[in-house]
Amino acid sequence: MNNRDISVNIAVASGKGGTGKTTISLSLAAYFAETGGPVAVLDCDVEEPNANLFLGAAIERSDPVSVLIPRVDEALCNGRGECERVCMFSAIVLVKDKPLVFPEMCHSCGGCALACPEKAITEVEKVIGEVEVGAGGKILYAGGRLTIGEPIAPPLIKAVKRYHEGAAVRIYDSPPGTSCPVIESVRGSDFLVLVTEPTPFGLNDLTLAVEMAKVLGVPFGVVINRSDIGTGDVVDYCRAEGVPVLAQIPNDRKIAESYSSGDCVSLILKNHREALESIVAHVAENNKRGVRL
């Protein structure tokens, strides 16, 4: 691999859970670790991180991640309500001319502090989670873990994506779905791998994920996992929409057995290496940074 001072960022996502997204993420990481390097896995599924269950990275440290939330000095507040009017998320409201803050609804935009004419609002830090940092063999690792009860994941995902920026290949293992956490994990990537399955549910959620990728303007392609079950509707959809099918991996009981024992990589590397090579070839062809894979 050349130009190691420039990293290429590959996001792996899916419209629904259970398609094999983490399996593909770690298989790609293992492939890159064998053929080049350095490679980093960034677990952006901060509400349910599981990549390190399989990677087994030795965690060297855990860094807390904070956001800013408003604190009101009631002695300075005159109850004008500018803070309430500027907040789009109803995180601060007036009750009998007294401000009431709902920290869980705050998006840390700072608008209320700027809008307050009396300067009665300051911003204070609130820890929302942590980033675990380590390495497993030749693979660097960073994974977010959202504090239980915290409802807003994107700030923590954004923090995860700042780790291991020197790695030649960085793989974002995204959350399932197409909501804000997924958008934050995919945003700014150089290529998006959408993992799906050939079922009605898989096709329905794939169409949502494809529309998300188009809106974000990220080059993308589809990997069909367990490709020999279900129907051919996913392939027909991709053909009709001009979406490249990067690889198809057939249903294999041995992979499922290996996965259940904590190994979701070795059999794919051994028996489906051509699928990984096909994915890498498409990523390299669409890589806007010019890093040669």
C-alpha atoms as a PDB file:
ATOM      1  CA  MET A   1       0.000   0.000   0.000  1.00  0.00           C
ATOM      2  CA  ASN A   2       1.388   3.400  -0.938  1.00  0.00           C
ATOM      3  CA  ASN A   3       0.901   6.968   0.284  1.00  0.00           C
ATOM      4  CA  ARG A   4       0.547   5.827   3.883  1.00  0.00           C
ATOM      5  CA  ASP A   5       0.496   9.411   5.094  1.00  0.00           C
ATOM      6  CA  ILE A   6      -3.023   9.708   3.608  1.00  0.00           C
ATOM      7  CA  SER A   7      -5.829   7.584   4.996  1.00  0.00           C
ATOM      8  CA  VAL A   8      -8.799   6.215   3.102  1.00  0.00           C
ATOM      9  CA  ASN A   9     -12.000   5.937   5.123  1.00  0.00           C
ATOM     10  CA  ILE A  10     -14.384   3.068   4.353  1.00  0.00           C
ATOM     11  CA  ALA A  11     -17.796   3.056   6.047  1.00  0.00           C
ATOM     12  CA  VAL A  12     -19.662  -0.240   6.359  1.00  0.00           C
ATOM     13  CA  ALA A  13     -23.386   0.142   6.991  1.00  0.00           C
ATOM     14  CA  SER A  14     -26.720  -1.566   6.479  1.00  0.00           C
ATOM     15  CA  GLY A  15     -30.323  -0.539   6.401  1.00  0.00           C
ATOM     16  CA  LYS A  16     -31.135  -3.124   9.080  1.00  0.00           C
ATOM     17  CA  GLY A  17     -29.394  -5.082  11.775  1.00  0.00           C
ATOM     18  CA  GLY A  18     -28.212  -8.660  11.449  1.00  0.00           C
ATOM     19  CA  THR A  19     -27.009  -8.516   7.850  1.00  0.00           C
ATOM     20  CA  GLY A  20     -23.334  -9.181   8.635  1.00  0.00           C
ATOM     21  CA  LYS A  21     -22.068  -5.614   8.739  1.00  0.00           C
ATOM     22  CA  THR A  22     -19.534  -6.186  11.531  1.00  0.00           C
ATOM     23  CA  THR A  23     -18.429  -9.432   9.900  1.00  0.00           C
ATOM     24  CA  ILE A  24     -17.643  -7.605   6.654  1.00  0.00           C
ATOM     25  CA  SER A  25     -15.948  -4.748   8.537  1.00  0.00           C
ATOM     26  CA  LEU A  26     -13.590  -7.060  10.408  1.00  0.00           C
ATOM     27  CA  SER A  27     -12.983  -9.289   7.383  1.00  0.00           C
ATOM     28  CA  LEU A  28     -11.902  -6.257   5.365  1.00  0.00           C
ATOM     29  CA  ALA A  29      -9.679  -5.138   8.236  1.00  0.00           C
ATOM     30  CA  ALA A  30      -8.054  -8.567   8.420  1.00  0.00           C
ATOM     31  CA  TYR A  31      -7.548  -8.569   4.647  1.00  0.00           C
ATOM     32  CA  PHE A  32      -5.847  -5.156   4.729  1.00  0.00           C
ATOM     33  CA  ALA A  33      -3.747  -6.198   7.732  1.00  0.00           C
ATOM     34  CA  GLU A  34      -2.442  -9.147   5.695  1.00  0.00           C
ATOM     35  CA  THR A  35      -1.801  -7.232   2.482  1.00  0.00           C
ATOM     36  CA  GLY A  36      -0.697  -3.807   3.729  1.00  0.00           C
ATOM     37  CA  GLY A  37      -1.291  -1.547   6.650  1.00  0.00           C
ATOM     38  CA  PRO A  38      -1.708  -0.039   9.065  1.00  0.00           C
ATOM     39  CA  VAL A  39      -5.476  -0.522   9.326  1.00  0.00           C
ATOM     40  CA  ALA A  40      -7.896   0.686  11.988  1.00  0.00           C
ATOM     41  CA  VAL A  41     -11.382  -0.459  12.939  1.00  0.00           C
ATOM     42  CA  LEU A  42     -13.539   2.311  14.415  1.00  0.00           C
ATOM     43  CA  ASP A  43     -16.687   0.935  16.046  1.00  0.00           C
ATOM     44  CA  CYS A  44     -19.273   3.687  15.551  1.00  0.00           C
ATOM     45  CA  ASP A  45     -22.171   1.565  16.797  1.00  0.00           C
ATOM     46  CA  VAL A  46     -21.810   3.282  20.161  1.00  0.00           C
ATOM     47  CA  GLU A  47     -25.173   2.131  21.527  1.00  0.00           C
ATOM     48  CA  GLU A  48     -24.324  -1.533  20.960  1.00  0.00           C
ATOM     49  CA  PRO A  49     -20.591  -1.895  20.236  1.00  0.00           C
ATOM     50  CA  ASN A  50     -19.577  -5.447  19.396  1.00  0.00           C
ATOM     51  CA  ALA A  51     -16.568  -5.287  17.051  1.00  0.00           C
ATOM     52  CA  ASN A  52     -14.080  -5.904  19.830  1.00  0.00           C
ATOM     53  CA  LEU A  53     -15.911  -9.021  20.945  1.00  0.00           C
ATOM     54  CA  PHE A  54     -14.429 -10.587  17.807  1.00  0.00           C
ATOM     55  CA  LEU A  55     -11.283  -8.488  17.361  1.00  0.00           C
ATOM     56  CA  GLY A  56     -10.124  -9.003  20.939  1.00  0.00           C
ATOM     57  CA  ALA A  57      -8.066  -5.807  21.035  1.00  0.00           C
ATOM     58  CA  ALA A  58      -6.166  -5.083  24.229  1.00  0.00           C
ATOM     59  CA  ILE A  59      -7.698  -1.824  25.501  1.00  0.00           C
ATOM     60  CA  GLU A  60      -4.924   0.600  26.421  1.00  0.00           C
ATOM     61  CA  ARG A  61      -7.096   3.454  27.666  1.00  0.00           C
ATOM     62  CA  SER A  62     -10.627   4.838  27.775  1.00  0.00           C
ATOM     63  CA  ASP A  63     -11.110   8.512  26.973  1.00  0.00           C
ATOM     64  CA  PRO A  64     -14.242  10.262  28.272  1.00  0.00           C
ATOM     65  CA  VAL A  65     -16.263  12.279  25.758  1.00  0.00           C
ATOM     66  CA  SER A  66     -18.236  15.344  26.834  1.00  0.00           C
ATOM     67  CA  VAL A  67     -20.720  17.757  25.305  1.00  0.00           C
ATOM     68  CA  LEU A  68     -21.677  21.251  26.443  1.00  0.00           C
ATOM     69  CA  ILE A  69     -25.084  21.879  27.996  1.00  0.00           C
ATOM     70  CA  PRO A  70     -26.569  25.119  29.373  1.00  0.00           C
ATOM     71  CA  ARG A  71     -26.551  26.195  33.000  1.00  0.00           C
ATOM     72  CA  VAL A  72     -28.771  29.103  33.989  1.00  0.00           C
ATOM     73  CA  ASP A  73     -27.928  31.676  36.662  1.00  0.00           C
ATOM     74  CA  GLU A  74     -31.421  32.527  37.864  1.00  0.00           C
ATOM     75  CA  ALA A  75     -30.117  35.608  39.657  1.00  0.00           C
ATOM     76  CA  LEU A  76     -29.277  37.125  36.256  1.00  0.00           C
ATOM     77  CA  CYS A  77     -32.260  35.764  34.315  1.00  0.00           C
ATOM     78  CA  ASN A  78     -35.178  38.155  33.782  1.00  0.00           C
ATOM     79  CA  GLY A  79     -37.459  35.642  32.073  1.00  0.00           C
ATOM     80  CA  ARG A  80     -37.489  37.197  28.596  1.00  0.00           C
ATOM     81  CA  GLY A  81     -37.535  33.775  26.981  1.00  0.00           C
ATOM     82  CA  GLU A  82     -35.003  34.372  24.179  1.00  0.00           C
ATOM     83  CA  CYS A  83     -33.409  31.041  25.085  1.00  0.00           C
ATOM     84  CA  GLU A  84     -36.695  29.206  24.670  1.00  0.00           C
ATOM     85  CA  ARG A  85     -37.406  30.873  21.332  1.00  0.00           C
ATOM     86  CA  VAL A  86     -34.009  30.030  19.844  1.00  0.00           C
ATOM     87  CA  CYS A  87     -33.941  26.359  20.930  1.00  0.00           C
ATOM     88  CA  MET A  88     -35.203  24.085  18.143  1.00  0.00           C
ATOM     89  CA  PHE A  89     -35.284  21.037  20.405  1.00  0.00           C
ATOM     90  CA  SER A  90     -37.244  22.375  23.413  1.00  0.00           C
ATOM     91  CA  ALA A  91     -34.244  21.654  25.623  1.00  0.00           C
ATOM     92  CA  ILE A  92     -34.848  24.880  27.557  1.00  0.00           C
ATOM     93  CA  VAL A  93     -38.316  26.233  28.339  1.00  0.00           C
ATOM     94  CA  LEU A  94     -39.819  28.855  30.601  1.00  0.00           C
ATOM     95  CA  VAL A  95     -42.176  27.805  33.379  1.00  0.00           C
ATOM     96  CA  LYS A  96     -43.703  30.820  35.166  1.00  0.00           C
ATOM     97  CA  ASP A  97     -40.884  32.977  33.772  1.00  0.00           C
ATOM     98  CA  LYS A  98     -38.234  30.587  35.113  1.00  0.00           C
ATOM     99  CA  PRO A  99     -35.995  28.598  32.718  1.00  0.00           C
ATOM    100  CA  LEU A 100     -36.090  24.822  32.942  1.00  0.00           C
ATOM    101  CA  VAL A 101     -33.312  22.853  31.212  1.00  0.00           C
ATOM    102  CA  PHE A 102     -33.729  19.321  29.827  1.00  0.00           C
ATOM    103  CA  PRO A 103     -30.105  18.151  29.312  1.00  0.00           C
ATOM    104  CA  GLU A 104     -31.091  14.941  27.465  1.00  0.00           C
ATOM    105  CA  MET A 105     -32.764  16.997  24.710  1.00  0.00           C
ATOM    106  CA  CYS A 106     -29.897  19.456  24.265  1.00  0.00           C
ATOM    107  CA  HIS A 107     -27.911  19.262  21.003  1.00  0.00           C
ATOM    108  CA  SER A 108     -25.082  21.464  22.336  1.00  0.00           C
ATOM    109  CA  CYS A 109     -25.479  24.154  19.684  1.00  0.00           C
ATOM    110  CA  GLY A 110     -24.807  27.005  22.124  1.00  0.00           C
ATOM    111  CA  GLY A 111     -27.625  29.091  20.697  1.00  0.00           C
ATOM    112  CA  CYS A 112     -29.290  29.758  24.048  1.00  0.00           C
ATOM    113  CA  ALA A 113     -26.104  31.190  25.557  1.00  0.00           C
ATOM    114  CA  LEU A 114     -25.613  33.449  22.537  1.00  0.00           C
ATOM    115  CA  ALA A 115     -29.229  34.593  22.535  1.00  0.00           C
ATOM    116  CA  CYS A 116     -29.464  35.481  26.220  1.00  0.00           C
ATOM    117  CA  PRO A 117     -29.269  39.282  26.517  1.00  0.00           C
ATOM    118  CA  GLU A 118     -28.505  39.084  30.242  1.00  0.00           C
ATOM    119  CA  LYS A 119     -25.657  36.560  29.815  1.00  0.00           C
ATOM    120  CA  ALA A 120     -27.400  34.377  32.370  1.00  0.00           C
ATOM    121  CA  ILE A 121     -26.510  31.152  30.531  1.00  0.00           C
ATOM    122  CA  THR A 122     -23.115  29.481  30.593  1.00  0.00           C
ATOM    123  CA  GLU A 123     -22.144  26.113  29.136  1.00  0.00           C
ATOM    124  CA  VAL A 124     -20.829  23.258  31.242  1.00  0.00           C
ATOM    125  CA  GLU A 125     -19.448  19.864  30.270  1.00  0.00           C
ATOM    126  CA  LYS A 126     -21.493  16.695  30.511  1.00  0.00           C
ATOM    127  CA  VAL A 127     -19.873  13.287  29.934  1.00  0.00           C
ATOM    128  CA  ILE A 128     -21.954  11.211  27.508  1.00  0.00           C
ATOM    129  CA  GLY A 129     -19.683   8.223  26.991  1.00  0.00           C
ATOM    130  CA  GLU A 130     -16.173   7.028  26.350  1.00  0.00           C
ATOM    131  CA  VAL A 131     -13.879   5.857  23.565  1.00  0.00           C
ATOM    132  CA  GLU A 132     -11.928   2.660  24.179  1.00  0.00           C
ATOM    133  CA  VAL A 133      -8.568   2.634  22.376  1.00  0.00           C
ATOM    134  CA  GLY A 134      -6.269  -0.291  21.736  1.00  0.00           C
ATOM    135  CA  ALA A 135      -4.965  -2.784  19.179  1.00  0.00           C
ATOM    136  CA  GLY A 136      -5.594  -6.392  18.208  1.00  0.00           C
ATOM    137  CA  GLY A 137      -2.620  -7.851  16.383  1.00  0.00           C
ATOM    138  CA  LYS A 138      -1.950  -5.662  13.347  1.00  0.00           C
ATOM    139  CA  ILE A 139      -5.328  -3.932  13.619  1.00  0.00           C
ATOM    140  CA  LEU A 140      -5.752  -0.686  15.536  1.00  0.00           C
ATOM    141  CA  TYR A 141      -9.039  -0.216  17.359  1.00  0.00           C
ATOM    142  CA  ALA A 142     -11.209   2.561  18.745  1.00  0.00           C
ATOM    143  CA  GLY A 143     -14.800   2.054  19.828  1.00  0.00           C
ATOM    144  CA  GLY A 144     -17.386   4.296  21.412  1.00  0.00           C
ATOM    145  CA  ARG A 145     -19.550   3.281  24.339  1.00  0.00           C
ATOM    146  CA  LEU A 146     -22.506   5.574  25.026  1.00  0.00           C
ATOM    147  CA  THR A 147     -23.471   6.031  28.674  1.00  0.00           C
ATOM    148  CA  ILE A 148     -26.661   4.127  29.470  1.00  0.00           C
ATOM    149  CA  GLY A 149     -29.625   6.473  29.261  1.00  0.00           C
ATOM    150  CA  GLU A 150     -27.967   9.008  26.972  1.00  0.00           C
ATOM    151  CA  PRO A 151     -30.220   9.533  23.935  1.00  0.00           C
ATOM    152  CA  ILE A 152     -27.910  11.389  21.525  1.00  0.00           C
ATOM    153  CA  ALA A 153     -25.119   9.359  19.920  1.00  0.00           C
ATOM    154  CA  PRO A 154     -23.681  11.539  17.064  1.00  0.00           C
ATOM    155  CA  PRO A 155     -21.246  13.590  19.237  1.00  0.00           C
ATOM    156  CA  LEU A 156     -19.652  10.367  20.501  1.00  0.00           C
ATOM    157  CA  ILE A 157     -19.502   8.920  16.970  1.00  0.00           C
ATOM    158  CA  LYS A 158     -17.819  12.099  15.781  1.00  0.00           C
ATOM    159  CA  ALA A 159     -15.217  11.645  18.538  1.00  0.00           C
ATOM    160  CA  VAL A 160     -14.570   8.001  17.580  1.00  0.00           C
ATOM    161  CA  LYS A 161     -13.834   9.026  13.993  1.00  0.00           C
ATOM    162  CA  ARG A 162     -10.980  11.276  15.133  1.00  0.00           C
ATOM    163  CA  TYR A 163      -8.885   8.315  16.300  1.00  0.00           C
ATOM    164  CA  HIS A 164      -6.078   6.564  14.391  1.00  0.00           C
ATOM    165  CA  GLU A 165      -6.015   9.214  11.666  1.00  0.00           C
ATOM    166  CA  GLY A 166      -2.553   8.042  10.616  1.00  0.00           C
ATOM    167  CA  ALA A 167      -3.775   4.602   9.543  1.00  0.00           C
ATOM    168  CA  ALA A 168      -3.675   3.978   5.795  1.00  0.00           C
ATOM    169  CA  VAL A 169      -7.137   2.377   5.936  1.00  0.00           C
ATOM    170  CA  ARG A 170      -9.795   3.286   8.491  1.00  0.00           C
ATOM    171  CA  ILE A 171     -12.997   1.226   8.584  1.00  0.00           C
ATOM    172  CA  TYR A 172     -16.100   2.708  10.205  1.00  0.00           C
ATOM    173  CA  ASP A 173     -18.352  -0.065  11.532  1.00  0.00           C
ATOM    174  CA  SER A 174     -21.622   1.877  11.484  1.00  0.00           C
ATOM    175  CA  PRO A 175     -24.847   1.367  13.452  1.00  0.00           C
ATOM    176  CA  PRO A 176     -27.768  -0.270  11.630  1.00  0.00           C
ATOM    177  CA  GLY A 177     -30.547   1.775  10.046  1.00  0.00           C
ATOM    178  CA  THR A 178     -30.531   5.187   8.381  1.00  0.00           C
ATOM    179  CA  SER A 179     -31.034   7.549  11.322  1.00  0.00           C
ATOM    180  CA  CYS A 180     -28.776  10.319  12.650  1.00  0.00           C
ATOM    181  CA  PRO A 181     -26.098   8.016  14.165  1.00  0.00           C
ATOM    182  CA  VAL A 182     -25.669   6.224  10.831  1.00  0.00           C
ATOM    183  CA  ILE A 183     -25.495   9.475   8.905  1.00  0.00           C
ATOM    184  CA  GLU A 184     -22.813  10.785  11.277  1.00  0.00           C
ATOM    185  CA  SER A 185     -20.732   7.611  10.904  1.00  0.00           C
ATOM    186  CA  VAL A 186     -20.971   7.604   7.092  1.00  0.00           C
ATOM    187  CA  ARG A 187     -20.468  11.356   6.617  1.00  0.00           C
ATOM    188  CA  GLY A 188     -17.047  12.198   5.186  1.00  0.00           C
ATOM    189  CA  SER A 189     -16.117   8.634   4.241  1.00  0.00           C
ATOM    190  CA  ASP A 190     -14.486   7.917   0.901  1.00  0.00           C
ATOM    191  CA  PHE A 191     -16.571   4.840   0.135  1.00  0.00           C
ATOM    192  CA  LEU A 192     -19.641   3.204   1.654  1.00  0.00           C
ATOM    193  CA  VAL A 193     -20.186  -0.559   1.676  1.00  0.00           C
ATOM    194  CA  LEU A 194     -23.860  -1.391   2.194  1.00  0.00           C
ATOM    195  CA  VAL A 195     -24.384  -4.932   3.489  1.00  0.00           C
ATOM    196  CA  THR A 196     -27.771  -6.495   2.858  1.00  0.00           C
ATOM    197  CA  GLU A 197     -29.522  -9.832   2.578  1.00  0.00           C
ATOM    198  CA  PRO A 198     -31.847 -11.116  -0.179  1.00  0.00           C
ATOM    199  CA  THR A 199     -35.089 -10.926   1.797  1.00  0.00           C
ATOM    200  CA  PRO A 200     -38.062  -8.544   1.619  1.00  0.00           C
ATOM    201  CA  PHE A 201     -36.902  -6.823   4.804  1.00  0.00           C
ATOM    202  CA  GLY A 202     -33.357  -6.590   3.472  1.00  0.00           C
ATOM    203  CA  LEU A 203     -34.545  -5.034   0.209  1.00  0.00           C
ATOM    204  CA  ASN A 204     -36.856  -2.558   1.932  1.00  0.00           C
ATOM    205  CA  ASP A 205     -34.133  -1.256   4.226  1.00  0.00           C
ATOM    206  CA  LEU A 206     -31.513  -1.321   1.469  1.00  0.00           C
ATOM    207  CA  THR A 207     -33.603   1.120  -0.579  1.00  0.00           C
ATOM    208  CA  LEU A 208     -33.567   3.531   2.390  1.00  0.00           C
ATOM    209  CA  ALA A 209     -29.816   3.144   2.800  1.00  0.00           C
ATOM    210  CA  VAL A 210     -29.227   3.756  -0.904  1.00  0.00           C
ATOM    211  CA  GLU A 211     -31.232   6.994  -0.760  1.00  0.00           C
ATOM    212  CA  MET A 212     -29.203   8.054   2.284  1.00  0.00           C
ATOM    213  CA  ALA A 213     -25.938   7.433   0.419  1.00  0.00           C
ATOM    214  CA  LYS A 214     -27.161   9.434  -2.574  1.00  0.00           C
ATOM    215  CA  VAL A 215     -28.110  12.399  -0.386  1.00  0.00           C
ATOM    216  CA  LEU A 216     -24.712  12.313   1.354  1.00  0.00           C
ATOM    217  CA  GLY A 217     -22.917  12.075  -1.984  1.00  0.00           C
ATOM    218  CA  VAL A 218     -20.704   9.160  -0.904  1.00  0.00           C
ATOM    219  CA  PRO A 219     -19.662   6.557  -3.523  1.00  0.00           C
ATOM    220  CA  PHE A 220     -21.162   3.216  -2.553  1.00  0.00           C
ATOM    221  CA  GLY A 221     -21.831  -0.358  -3.505  1.00  0.00           C
ATOM    222  CA  VAL A 222     -23.699  -3.359  -2.107  1.00  0.00           C
ATOM    223  CA  VAL A 223     -22.521  -6.629  -0.598  1.00  0.00           C
ATOM    224  CA  ILE A 224     -25.198  -9.337  -0.532  1.00  0.00           C
ATOM    225  CA  ASN A 225     -24.625 -11.646   2.409  1.00  0.00           C
ATOM    226  CA  ARG A 226     -26.262 -15.101   2.543  1.00  0.00           C
ATOM    227  CA  SER A 227     -26.851 -14.546  -1.152  1.00  0.00           C
ATOM    228  CA  ASP A 228     -28.295 -17.991  -1.909  1.00  0.00           C
ATOM    229  CA  ILE A 229     -31.330 -17.658   0.356  1.00  0.00           C
ATOM    230  CA  GLY A 230     -34.455 -15.577  -0.238  1.00  0.00           C
ATOM    231  CA  THR A 231     -35.152 -14.135  -3.682  1.00  0.00           C
ATOM    232  CA  GLY A 232     -33.339 -12.357  -6.482  1.00  0.00           C
ATOM    233  CA  ASP A 233     -35.169  -9.076  -5.856  1.00  0.00           C
ATOM    234  CA  VAL A 234     -32.113  -7.358  -4.350  1.00  0.00           C
ATOM    235  CA  VAL A 235     -30.023  -8.104  -7.440  1.00  0.00           C
ATOM    236  CA  ASP A 236     -32.869  -6.907  -9.678  1.00  0.00           C
ATOM    237  CA  TYR A 237     -33.180  -3.686  -7.670  1.00  0.00           C
ATOM    238  CA  CYS A 238     -29.456  -2.989  -7.852  1.00  0.00           C
ATOM    239  CA  ARG A 239     -29.434  -3.627 -11.597  1.00  0.00           C
ATOM    240  CA  ALA A 240     -32.429  -1.331 -12.145  1.00  0.00           C
ATOM    241  CA  GLU A 241     -30.930   1.453 -10.015  1.00  0.00           C
ATOM    242  CA  GLY A 242     -27.414   1.110 -11.397  1.00  0.00           C
ATOM    243  CA  VAL A 243     -26.037   0.196  -7.969  1.00  0.00           C
ATOM    244  CA  PRO A 244     -22.870  -1.925  -8.177  1.00  0.00           C
ATOM    245  CA  VAL A 245     -22.986  -5.287  -6.427  1.00  0.00           C
ATOM    246  CA  LEU A 246     -19.486  -5.551  -4.981  1.00  0.00           C
ATOM    247  CA  ALA A 247     -19.696  -9.163  -3.852  1.00  0.00           C
ATOM    248  CA  GLN A 248     -22.064 -11.977  -2.965  1.00  0.00           C
ATOM    249  CA  ILE A 249     -21.296 -14.285  -0.052  1.00  0.00           C
ATOM    250  CA  PRO A 250     -23.397 -17.476   0.115  1.00  0.00           C
ATOM    251  CA  ASN A 251     -25.056 -18.784   3.255  1.00  0.00           C
ATOM    252  CA  ASP A 252     -22.564 -21.000   5.084  1.00  0.00           C
ATOM    253  CA  ARG A 253     -23.377 -22.812   8.314  1.00  0.00           C
ATOM    254  CA  LYS A 254     -19.671 -23.094   9.129  1.00  0.00           C
ATOM    255  CA  ILE A 255     -19.381 -19.286   9.154  1.00  0.00           C
ATOM    256  CA  ALA A 256     -22.326 -19.089  11.563  1.00  0.00           C
ATOM    257  CA  GLU A 257     -20.751 -21.701  13.827  1.00  0.00           C
ATOM    258  CA  SER A 258     -17.441 -19.856  13.738  1.00  0.00           C
ATOM    259  CA  TYR A 259     -19.217 -16.563  14.475  1.00  0.00           C
ATOM    260  CA  SER A 260     -20.974 -18.047  17.510  1.00  0.00           C
ATOM    261  CA  SER A 261     -17.591 -19.010  18.967  1.00  0.00           C
ATOM    262  CA  GLY A 262     -16.181 -15.491  18.529  1.00  0.00           C
ATOM    263  CA  ASP A 263     -14.493 -15.834  15.123  1.00  0.00           C
ATOM    264  CA  CYS A 264     -16.274 -14.080  12.273  1.00  0.00           C
ATOM    265  CA  VAL A 265     -13.235 -13.630  10.009  1.00  0.00           C
ATOM    266  CA  SER A 266     -11.048 -16.692   9.374  1.00  0.00           C
ATOM    267  CA  LEU A 267     -13.450 -18.701   7.209  1.00  0.00           C
ATOM    268  CA  ILE A 268     -14.302 -15.687   5.054  1.00  0.00           C
ATOM    269  CA  LEU A 269     -10.595 -14.927   4.563  1.00  0.00           C
ATOM    270  CA  LYS A 270      -9.999 -18.551   3.604  1.00  0.00           C
ATOM    271  CA  ASN A 271     -13.085 -19.455   1.571  1.00  0.00           C
ATOM    272  CA  HIS A 272     -14.390 -16.129   0.240  1.00  0.00           C
ATOM    273  CA  ARG A 273     -11.228 -14.146  -0.363  1.00  0.00           C
ATOM    274  CA  GLU A 274     -12.337 -13.264  -3.878  1.00  0.00           C
ATOM    275  CA  ALA A 275     -15.329 -11.428  -2.395  1.00  0.00           C
ATOM    276  CA  LEU A 276     -13.039  -9.264  -0.262  1.00  0.00           C
ATOM    277  CA  GLU A 277     -10.751  -8.645  -3.249  1.00  0.00           C
ATOM    278  CA  SER A 278     -13.764  -7.526  -5.282  1.00  0.00           C
ATOM    279  CA  ILE A 279     -14.833  -5.081  -2.562  1.00  0.00           C
ATOM    280  CA  VAL A 280     -11.321  -3.645  -2.298  1.00  0.00           C
ATOM    281  CA  ALA A 281     -11.085  -3.286  -6.078  1.00  0.00           C
ATOM    282  CA  HIS A 282     -14.301  -1.230  -6.165  1.00  0.00           C
ATOM    283  CA  VAL A 283     -13.138   0.928  -3.252  1.00  0.00           C
ATOM    284  CA  ALA A 284      -9.820   1.592  -4.970  1.00  0.00           C
ATOM    285  CA  GLU A 285     -11.536   2.472  -8.240  1.00  0.00           C
ATOM    286  CA  ASN A 286     -13.799   5.024  -6.511  1.00  0.00           C
ATOM    287  CA  ASN A 287     -11.260   6.332  -4.017  1.00  0.00           C
ATOM    288  CA  LYS A 288     -11.234  10.106  -4.314  1.00  0.00           C
ATOM    289  CA  ARG A 289      -8.084  10.539  -2.191  1.00  0.00           C
ATOM    290  CA  GLY A 290      -5.871   8.660  -4.611  1.00  0.00           C
ATOM    291  CA  VAL A 291      -4.543   6.156  -2.069  1.00  0.00           C
ATOM    292  CA  ARG A 292      -3.533   3.024  -3.916  1.00  0.00           C
ATOM    293  CA  LEU A 293      -4.913  -0.084  -2.179  1.00  0.00           C
END
